[in-house]
Amino acid sequence: MKSVAEPALHPLYLAVREYLEIKQRVLILNERCRVFLDLAAILADHIADSNITSQSSMFLLYTSVILDANLFDNRNYVDYHYTYSSFDHGYSWRSHVAI
């Protein structure tokens, strides 16, 4: 429900708005907000790139640790089963393989 006083105050509202330079202030404020949004986008991209880089390096480190553990385990398995079980036959598995 509109009041009767609103149409009478409209010229006053326009005069105050012009006096306070609301339109120019809004444009400046919008420009500054765009700058902050651009900065936030740049920071978000940087954080995402850093996060992906750290995740990739953690994945590579984890994979290399697993591979090293498997190679060590396989070498111990081969050393144990082929070296000691071959003693009965007079030869060692290591004597046939250059490591």
Protein backbone atom coordinates (compact mmCIF):
# COMPACT_ATOMS: atom_id res chain seq x y z
CA MET A 1 0.00 0.00 0.00
CA LYS A 2 1.57 3.26 -1.13
CA SER A 3 1.41 6.31 1.02
CA VAL A 4 0.24 9.68 -0.29
CA ALA A 5 3.54 11.35 0.68
CA GLU A 6 5.73 9.33 -1.70
CA PRO A 7 5.01 11.32 -4.89
CA ALA A 8 5.62 14.55 -3.02
CA LEU A 9 9.02 13.37 -1.76
CA HIS A 10 10.26 12.13 -5.13
CA PRO A 11 11.80 15.51 -6.21
CA LEU A 12 13.54 15.72 -2.83
CA TYR A 13 14.85 12.18 -3.27
CA LEU A 14 16.24 13.06 -6.71
CA ALA A 15 17.87 16.23 -5.38
CA VAL A 16 19.56 14.39 -2.48
CA ARG A 17 20.66 11.62 -4.81
CA GLU A 18 22.22 14.13 -7.20
CA TYR A 19 23.83 16.04 -4.32
CA LEU A 20 25.41 12.90 -2.85
CA GLU A 21 26.54 11.76 -6.32
CA ILE A 22 25.07 8.31 -5.75
CA LYS A 23 25.39 7.26 -9.40
CA GLN A 24 29.15 7.99 -9.53
CA ARG A 25 29.73 6.35 -6.15
CA VAL A 26 27.87 3.23 -7.26
CA LEU A 27 29.99 3.03 -10.42
CA ILE A 28 33.21 3.38 -8.40
CA LEU A 29 32.05 0.83 -5.86
CA ASN A 30 31.14 -1.61 -8.64
CA GLU A 31 34.58 -1.13 -10.22
CA ARG A 32 36.28 -1.85 -6.90
CA CYS A 33 34.13 -4.94 -6.40
CA ARG A 34 35.17 -6.17 -9.87
CA VAL A 35 38.81 -5.75 -8.86
CA PHE A 36 38.22 -7.78 -5.69
CA LEU A 37 36.40 -10.47 -7.68
CA ASP A 38 39.31 -10.66 -10.13
CA LEU A 39 41.74 -10.95 -7.22
CA ALA A 40 39.62 -13.70 -5.66
CA ALA A 41 39.57 -15.58 -8.98
CA ILE A 42 43.35 -15.30 -9.32
CA LEU A 43 43.85 -16.54 -5.74
CA ALA A 44 41.40 -19.41 -6.29
CA ASP A 45 43.30 -20.47 -9.44
CA HIS A 46 46.61 -20.26 -7.59
CA ILE A 47 45.29 -22.35 -4.70
CA ALA A 48 43.82 -24.90 -7.11
CA ASP A 49 47.14 -25.15 -9.00
CA SER A 50 49.09 -25.46 -5.76
CA ASN A 51 46.66 -28.08 -4.51
CA ILE A 52 46.95 -30.10 -7.73
CA THR A 53 50.73 -29.79 -7.65
CA SER A 54 50.93 -30.98 -4.06
CA GLN A 55 48.48 -33.81 -4.77
CA SER A 56 50.53 -34.86 -7.79
CA SER A 57 53.78 -34.83 -5.85
CA MET A 58 52.18 -36.77 -3.00
CA PHE A 59 50.86 -39.33 -5.51
CA LEU A 60 54.32 -39.70 -7.08
CA LEU A 61 55.97 -40.05 -3.68
CA TYR A 62 53.38 -42.60 -2.55
CA THR A 63 53.76 -44.57 -5.79
CA SER A 64 57.56 -44.60 -5.57
CA VAL A 65 57.43 -45.78 -1.95
CA ILE A 66 55.09 -48.62 -2.93
CA LEU A 67 57.29 -49.57 -5.89
CA ASP A 68 60.42 -49.51 -3.73
CA ALA A 69 58.73 -51.65 -1.09
CA ASN A 70 57.55 -54.15 -3.72
CA LEU A 71 60.97 -54.36 -5.36
CA PHE A 72 62.64 -54.86 -1.99
CA ASP A 73 60.10 -57.53 -1.05
CA ASN A 74 60.46 -59.31 -4.41
CA ARG A 75 64.24 -59.25 -4.19
CA ASN A 76 64.12 -60.71 -0.69
CA TYR A 77 61.69 -63.39 -1.90
CA VAL A 78 63.95 -64.32 -4.81
CA ASP A 79 67.07 -64.26 -2.64
CA TYR A 80 65.48 -66.47 -0.02
CA HIS A 81 63.76 -69.01 -2.25
CA TYR A 82 66.30 -69.36 -5.02
CA THR A 83 69.55 -68.98 -3.11
CA TYR A 84 68.85 -71.21 -0.13
CA SER A 85 66.82 -73.88 -1.93
CA SER A 86 69.53 -74.19 -4.58
CA PHE A 87 72.27 -75.04 -2.10
CA ASP A 88 71.31 -78.70 -2.33
CA HIS A 89 72.04 -78.69 -6.07
CA GLY A 90 75.46 -77.05 -5.76
CA TYR A 91 74.75 -73.70 -7.41
CA SER A 92 73.40 -70.36 -6.35
CA TRP A 93 70.85 -68.31 -8.21
CA ARG A 94 73.02 -65.22 -7.65
CA SER A 95 75.94 -66.80 -9.47
CA HIS A 96 73.90 -66.85 -12.70
CA VAL A 97 72.44 -63.34 -12.51
CA ALA A 98 74.42 -60.09 -12.63
CA ILE A 99 72.91 -57.56 -10.27
